[in-house]
Amino acid sequence: MMLPFSPAPDGLRLRVRLTPKARRAGIDGLAPEADGSVALKVAVAAVPEKGRANEALIRLLAEEWHLPRSSITLAAGAADRRKLLHLAGDPAALAAALSEWFARRRS
């Protein structure tokens, strides 16, 4: 199974495809990307103005993965649906935790 994250020196890089102004907030699985990779599909109810949707995305993922909000930052894509997030921490521990989370969601 392809996963939407890759190791970075001080954490992980996570590819996200965000849908703002959704009826409900939630994580909707994986979406194929043009380059053959996958991105995590996430929907938030917040509007894409003044960083509200980006903040809602970070808050949602932090709550879902039990991470401090301060450990998730937007690395690229502030005004784009495709985002690259940085999750700060031990890359191996984060990768193991997220891999387990994805495995639970698939079953």
N, C-alpha and C. Protein backbone atom coordinates (compact mmCIF):
# COMPACT_ATOMS: atom_id res chain seq x y z
N MET A 1 0.84 -1.18 0.00
CA MET A 1 0.00 0.00 0.00
C MET A 1 0.89 1.25 0.00
N MET A 2 0.64 2.13 -0.94
CA MET A 2 1.36 3.40 -0.97
C MET A 2 0.80 4.31 0.11
N LEU A 3 1.70 5.06 0.75
CA LEU A 3 1.29 5.98 1.80
C LEU A 3 1.67 7.40 1.41
N PRO A 4 0.94 8.39 1.91
CA PRO A 4 1.15 9.78 1.48
C PRO A 4 2.24 10.53 2.24
N PHE A 5 3.12 9.83 2.90
CA PHE A 5 4.17 10.53 3.63
C PHE A 5 5.54 9.97 3.29
N SER A 6 6.54 10.79 3.54
CA SER A 6 7.93 10.39 3.33
C SER A 6 8.77 10.98 4.44
N PRO A 7 9.89 10.33 4.76
CA PRO A 7 10.72 10.83 5.85
C PRO A 7 11.42 12.13 5.49
N ALA A 8 11.61 12.94 6.48
CA ALA A 8 12.40 14.18 6.39
C ALA A 8 13.40 14.12 7.53
N PRO A 9 14.46 14.93 7.51
CA PRO A 9 15.47 14.86 8.57
C PRO A 9 14.91 15.03 9.99
N ASP A 10 13.87 15.82 10.13
CA ASP A 10 13.35 16.09 11.47
C ASP A 10 11.86 15.76 11.59
N GLY A 11 11.40 14.78 10.79
CA GLY A 11 10.00 14.40 10.86
C GLY A 11 9.54 13.73 9.58
N LEU A 12 8.31 14.03 9.19
CA LEU A 12 7.73 13.48 7.95
C LEU A 12 7.16 14.59 7.10
N ARG A 13 7.11 14.35 5.80
CA ARG A 13 6.41 15.23 4.86
C ARG A 13 5.15 14.49 4.44
N LEU A 14 4.02 15.14 4.54
CA LEU A 14 2.73 14.53 4.24
C LEU A 14 2.05 15.28 3.11
N ARG A 15 1.66 14.54 2.06
CA ARG A 15 0.93 15.12 0.93
C ARG A 15 -0.56 15.05 1.22
N VAL A 16 -1.25 16.19 1.03
CA VAL A 16 -2.68 16.29 1.33
C VAL A 16 -3.39 16.93 0.15
N ARG A 17 -4.58 16.43 -0.15
CA ARG A 17 -5.48 17.10 -1.08
C ARG A 17 -6.68 17.57 -0.26
N LEU A 18 -6.80 18.87 -0.09
CA LEU A 18 -7.79 19.47 0.80
C LEU A 18 -9.02 19.94 0.04
N THR A 19 -10.19 19.65 0.60
CA THR A 19 -11.45 20.16 0.09
C THR A 19 -12.03 21.10 1.15
N PRO A 20 -11.97 22.41 0.92
CA PRO A 20 -12.57 23.35 1.87
C PRO A 20 -14.07 23.50 1.61
N LYS A 21 -14.77 24.13 2.51
CA LYS A 21 -16.21 24.38 2.41
C LYS A 21 -17.02 23.10 2.22
N ALA A 22 -16.58 22.02 2.85
CA ALA A 22 -17.29 20.75 2.77
C ALA A 22 -18.45 20.74 3.75
N ARG A 23 -19.40 19.88 3.50
CA ARG A 23 -20.54 19.76 4.42
C ARG A 23 -20.11 19.21 5.78
N ARG A 24 -19.12 18.35 5.74
CA ARG A 24 -18.61 17.79 6.98
C ARG A 24 -17.09 17.67 6.90
N ALA A 25 -16.46 17.79 8.03
CA ALA A 25 -15.01 17.63 8.09
C ALA A 25 -14.68 16.16 8.29
N GLY A 26 -13.60 15.72 7.65
CA GLY A 26 -13.18 14.34 7.83
C GLY A 26 -12.07 13.94 6.90
N ILE A 27 -11.53 12.78 7.17
CA ILE A 27 -10.48 12.22 6.33
C ILE A 27 -11.15 11.19 5.43
N ASP A 28 -10.98 11.38 4.13
CA ASP A 28 -11.72 10.59 3.15
C ASP A 28 -10.88 9.55 2.42
N GLY A 29 -9.73 9.19 2.95
CA GLY A 29 -8.92 8.15 2.32
C GLY A 29 -7.77 8.72 1.51
N LEU A 30 -7.36 7.96 0.50
CA LEU A 30 -6.21 8.34 -0.32
C LEU A 30 -6.66 8.67 -1.73
N ALA A 31 -5.95 9.61 -2.35
CA ALA A 31 -6.25 10.01 -3.72
C ALA A 31 -4.98 9.87 -4.55
N PRO A 32 -5.07 9.27 -5.74
CA PRO A 32 -3.89 9.17 -6.60
C PRO A 32 -3.49 10.53 -7.14
N GLU A 33 -2.20 10.74 -7.26
CA GLU A 33 -1.66 11.98 -7.81
C GLU A 33 -1.11 11.70 -9.21
N ALA A 34 -0.93 12.74 -9.99
CA ALA A 34 -0.46 12.61 -11.37
C ALA A 34 0.93 11.98 -11.47
N ASP A 35 1.76 12.18 -10.45
CA ASP A 35 3.12 11.65 -10.49
C ASP A 35 3.22 10.20 -10.01
N GLY A 36 2.07 9.58 -9.74
CA GLY A 36 2.06 8.19 -9.29
C GLY A 36 2.03 8.03 -7.79
N SER A 37 2.19 9.10 -7.05
CA SER A 37 2.12 9.03 -5.59
C SER A 37 0.67 9.12 -5.14
N VAL A 38 0.45 9.16 -3.86
CA VAL A 38 -0.89 9.33 -3.31
C VAL A 38 -0.89 10.49 -2.33
N ALA A 39 -2.06 11.07 -2.13
CA ALA A 39 -2.24 12.15 -1.17
C ALA A 39 -3.39 11.77 -0.25
N LEU A 40 -3.34 12.26 0.96
CA LEU A 40 -4.42 12.06 1.92
C LEU A 40 -5.53 13.04 1.58
N LYS A 41 -6.74 12.51 1.34
CA LYS A 41 -7.89 13.37 1.03
C LYS A 41 -8.53 13.80 2.35
N VAL A 42 -8.62 15.12 2.52
CA VAL A 42 -9.20 15.67 3.75
C VAL A 42 -10.20 16.75 3.37
N ALA A 43 -11.33 16.77 4.06
CA ALA A 43 -12.35 17.79 3.86
C ALA A 43 -12.51 18.58 5.16
N VAL A 44 -12.67 19.88 5.03
CA VAL A 44 -12.93 20.74 6.19
C VAL A 44 -14.10 21.66 5.84
N ALA A 45 -14.83 22.08 6.85
CA ALA A 45 -15.97 22.97 6.63
C ALA A 45 -15.52 24.42 6.48
N ALA A 46 -14.33 24.74 6.92
CA ALA A 46 -13.84 26.12 6.89
C ALA A 46 -13.65 26.62 5.46
N VAL A 47 -13.80 27.92 5.31
CA VAL A 47 -13.60 28.55 4.00
C VAL A 47 -12.12 28.79 3.76
N PRO A 48 -11.71 28.81 2.49
CA PRO A 48 -10.29 29.02 2.18
C PRO A 48 -9.92 30.51 2.16
N GLU A 49 -10.17 31.19 3.25
CA GLU A 49 -9.85 32.60 3.36
C GLU A 49 -9.02 32.83 4.62
N LYS A 50 -7.99 33.64 4.48
CA LYS A 50 -7.14 34.03 5.61
C LYS A 50 -6.59 32.83 6.38
N GLY A 51 -6.33 31.74 5.66
CA GLY A 51 -5.72 30.56 6.28
C GLY A 51 -6.66 29.72 7.13
N ARG A 52 -7.95 30.00 7.08
CA ARG A 52 -8.90 29.26 7.94
C ARG A 52 -8.96 27.77 7.58
N ALA A 53 -8.99 27.45 6.30
CA ALA A 53 -9.05 26.05 5.90
C ALA A 53 -7.76 25.33 6.27
N ASN A 54 -6.62 25.99 6.11
CA ASN A 54 -5.35 25.38 6.49
C ASN A 54 -5.29 25.11 7.98
N GLU A 55 -5.76 26.05 8.78
CA GLU A 55 -5.77 25.87 10.23
C GLU A 55 -6.72 24.73 10.61
N ALA A 56 -7.88 24.65 9.96
CA ALA A 56 -8.82 23.57 10.23
C ALA A 56 -8.21 22.21 9.87
N LEU A 57 -7.47 22.17 8.79
CA LEU A 57 -6.78 20.94 8.38
C LEU A 57 -5.79 20.50 9.45
N ILE A 58 -4.96 21.41 9.90
CA ILE A 58 -3.96 21.08 10.91
C ILE A 58 -4.63 20.64 12.21
N ARG A 59 -5.67 21.34 12.61
CA ARG A 59 -6.40 20.99 13.84
C ARG A 59 -7.00 19.58 13.73
N LEU A 60 -7.62 19.27 12.59
CA LEU A 60 -8.24 17.96 12.38
C LEU A 60 -7.21 16.84 12.46
N LEU A 61 -6.08 17.00 11.75
CA LEU A 61 -5.06 15.95 11.75
C LEU A 61 -4.41 15.81 13.12
N ALA A 62 -4.17 16.90 13.80
CA ALA A 62 -3.57 16.84 15.14
C ALA A 62 -4.49 16.08 16.10
N GLU A 63 -5.78 16.34 16.03
CA GLU A 63 -6.72 15.64 16.89
C GLU A 63 -6.79 14.16 16.53
N GLU A 64 -6.86 13.86 15.25
CA GLU A 64 -6.98 12.47 14.80
C GLU A 64 -5.76 11.64 15.19
N TRP A 65 -4.59 12.22 15.07
CA TRP A 65 -3.35 11.49 15.31
C TRP A 65 -2.76 11.75 16.70
N HIS A 66 -3.46 12.49 17.54
CA HIS A 66 -3.01 12.79 18.90
C HIS A 66 -1.61 13.41 18.92
N LEU A 67 -1.44 14.39 18.06
CA LEU A 67 -0.19 15.14 17.97
C LEU A 67 -0.43 16.57 18.43
N PRO A 68 0.58 17.24 18.97
CA PRO A 68 0.42 18.66 19.26
C PRO A 68 0.23 19.44 17.96
N ARG A 69 -0.69 20.38 17.97
CA ARG A 69 -0.90 21.19 16.76
C ARG A 69 0.39 21.87 16.32
N SER A 70 1.22 22.24 17.27
CA SER A 70 2.46 22.94 16.93
C SER A 70 3.45 22.05 16.19
N SER A 71 3.24 20.73 16.19
CA SER A 71 4.16 19.83 15.48
C SER A 71 3.80 19.68 14.01
N ILE A 72 2.65 20.23 13.58
CA ILE A 72 2.24 20.14 12.18
C ILE A 72 2.28 21.54 11.58
N THR A 73 3.06 21.70 10.53
CA THR A 73 3.16 23.00 9.86
C THR A 73 2.96 22.83 8.36
N LEU A 74 2.51 23.89 7.74
CA LEU A 74 2.31 23.91 6.30
C LEU A 74 3.64 24.22 5.63
N ALA A 75 4.16 23.28 4.84
CA ALA A 75 5.45 23.46 4.18
C ALA A 75 5.28 24.05 2.77
N ALA A 76 4.17 23.74 2.13
CA ALA A 76 3.91 24.25 0.77
C ALA A 76 2.43 24.13 0.47
N GLY A 77 1.95 25.02 -0.40
CA GLY A 77 0.58 24.94 -0.87
C GLY A 77 -0.42 25.75 -0.08
N ALA A 78 -0.01 26.87 0.49
CA ALA A 78 -0.91 27.67 1.32
C ALA A 78 -2.20 28.04 0.59
N ALA A 79 -2.12 28.36 -0.70
CA ALA A 79 -3.30 28.78 -1.45
C ALA A 79 -3.72 27.74 -2.49
N ASP A 80 -3.27 26.50 -2.33
CA ASP A 80 -3.55 25.44 -3.28
C ASP A 80 -4.31 24.32 -2.59
N ARG A 81 -5.06 23.53 -3.35
CA ARG A 81 -5.74 22.37 -2.76
C ARG A 81 -4.74 21.29 -2.38
N ARG A 82 -3.64 21.24 -3.11
CA ARG A 82 -2.59 20.28 -2.79
C ARG A 82 -1.64 20.92 -1.80
N LYS A 83 -1.44 20.24 -0.70
CA LYS A 83 -0.62 20.78 0.38
C LYS A 83 0.50 19.81 0.70
N LEU A 84 1.56 20.36 1.23
CA LEU A 84 2.63 19.55 1.79
C LEU A 84 2.78 20.00 3.23
N LEU A 85 2.54 19.07 4.14
CA LEU A 85 2.65 19.37 5.57
C LEU A 85 3.92 18.75 6.11
N HIS A 86 4.46 19.39 7.12
CA HIS A 86 5.61 18.85 7.84
C HIS A 86 5.15 18.44 9.23
N LEU A 87 5.40 17.18 9.59
CA LEU A 87 5.11 16.69 10.93
C LEU A 87 6.44 16.55 11.65
N ALA A 88 6.64 17.37 12.65
CA ALA A 88 7.91 17.38 13.38
C ALA A 88 7.95 16.25 14.41
N GLY A 89 9.11 15.64 14.51
CA GLY A 89 9.30 14.57 15.48
C GLY A 89 10.26 13.53 14.94
N ASP A 90 10.34 12.42 15.64
CA ASP A 90 11.19 11.32 15.22
C ASP A 90 10.59 10.67 13.97
N PRO A 91 11.29 10.69 12.84
CA PRO A 91 10.72 10.16 11.60
C PRO A 91 10.28 8.70 11.71
N ALA A 92 11.07 7.87 12.37
CA ALA A 92 10.73 6.45 12.46
C ALA A 92 9.48 6.24 13.32
N ALA A 93 9.39 6.94 14.43
CA ALA A 93 8.23 6.80 15.32
C ALA A 93 6.97 7.32 14.64
N LEU A 94 7.07 8.47 13.97
CA LEU A 94 5.91 9.02 13.27
C LEU A 94 5.47 8.10 12.14
N ALA A 95 6.42 7.58 11.37
CA ALA A 95 6.09 6.68 10.26
C ALA A 95 5.41 5.42 10.77
N ALA A 96 5.89 4.88 11.88
CA ALA A 96 5.28 3.68 12.45
C ALA A 96 3.86 3.96 12.92
N ALA A 97 3.67 5.08 13.59
CA ALA A 97 2.34 5.43 14.10
C ALA A 97 1.36 5.67 12.95
N LEU A 98 1.78 6.41 11.93
CA LEU A 98 0.89 6.69 10.80
C LEU A 98 0.63 5.43 9.97
N SER A 99 1.62 4.59 9.80
CA SER A 99 1.42 3.34 9.07
C SER A 99 0.38 2.48 9.78
N GLU A 100 0.46 2.42 11.09
CA GLU A 100 -0.52 1.66 11.87
C GLU A 100 -1.90 2.28 11.74
N TRP A 101 -1.97 3.61 11.78
CA TRP A 101 -3.26 4.30 11.64
C TRP A 101 -3.88 3.99 10.26
N PHE A 102 -3.08 4.06 9.20
CA PHE A 102 -3.60 3.75 7.86
C PHE A 102 -4.03 2.30 7.76
N ALA A 103 -3.28 1.39 8.37
CA ALA A 103 -3.65 -0.03 8.33
C ALA A 103 -4.98 -0.25 9.03
N ARG A 104 -5.22 0.39 10.15
CA ARG A 104 -6.50 0.25 10.87
C ARG A 104 -7.65 0.79 10.04
N ARG A 105 -7.42 1.87 9.32
CA ARG A 105 -8.49 2.47 8.50
C ARG A 105 -8.84 1.59 7.30
N ARG A 106 -7.90 0.82 6.82
CA ARG A 106 -8.15 -0.03 5.65
C ARG A 106 -8.96 -1.26 6.02
N SER A 107 -8.86 -1.70 7.27
CA SER A 107 -9.56 -2.93 7.64
C SER A 107 -10.95 -2.67 8.15
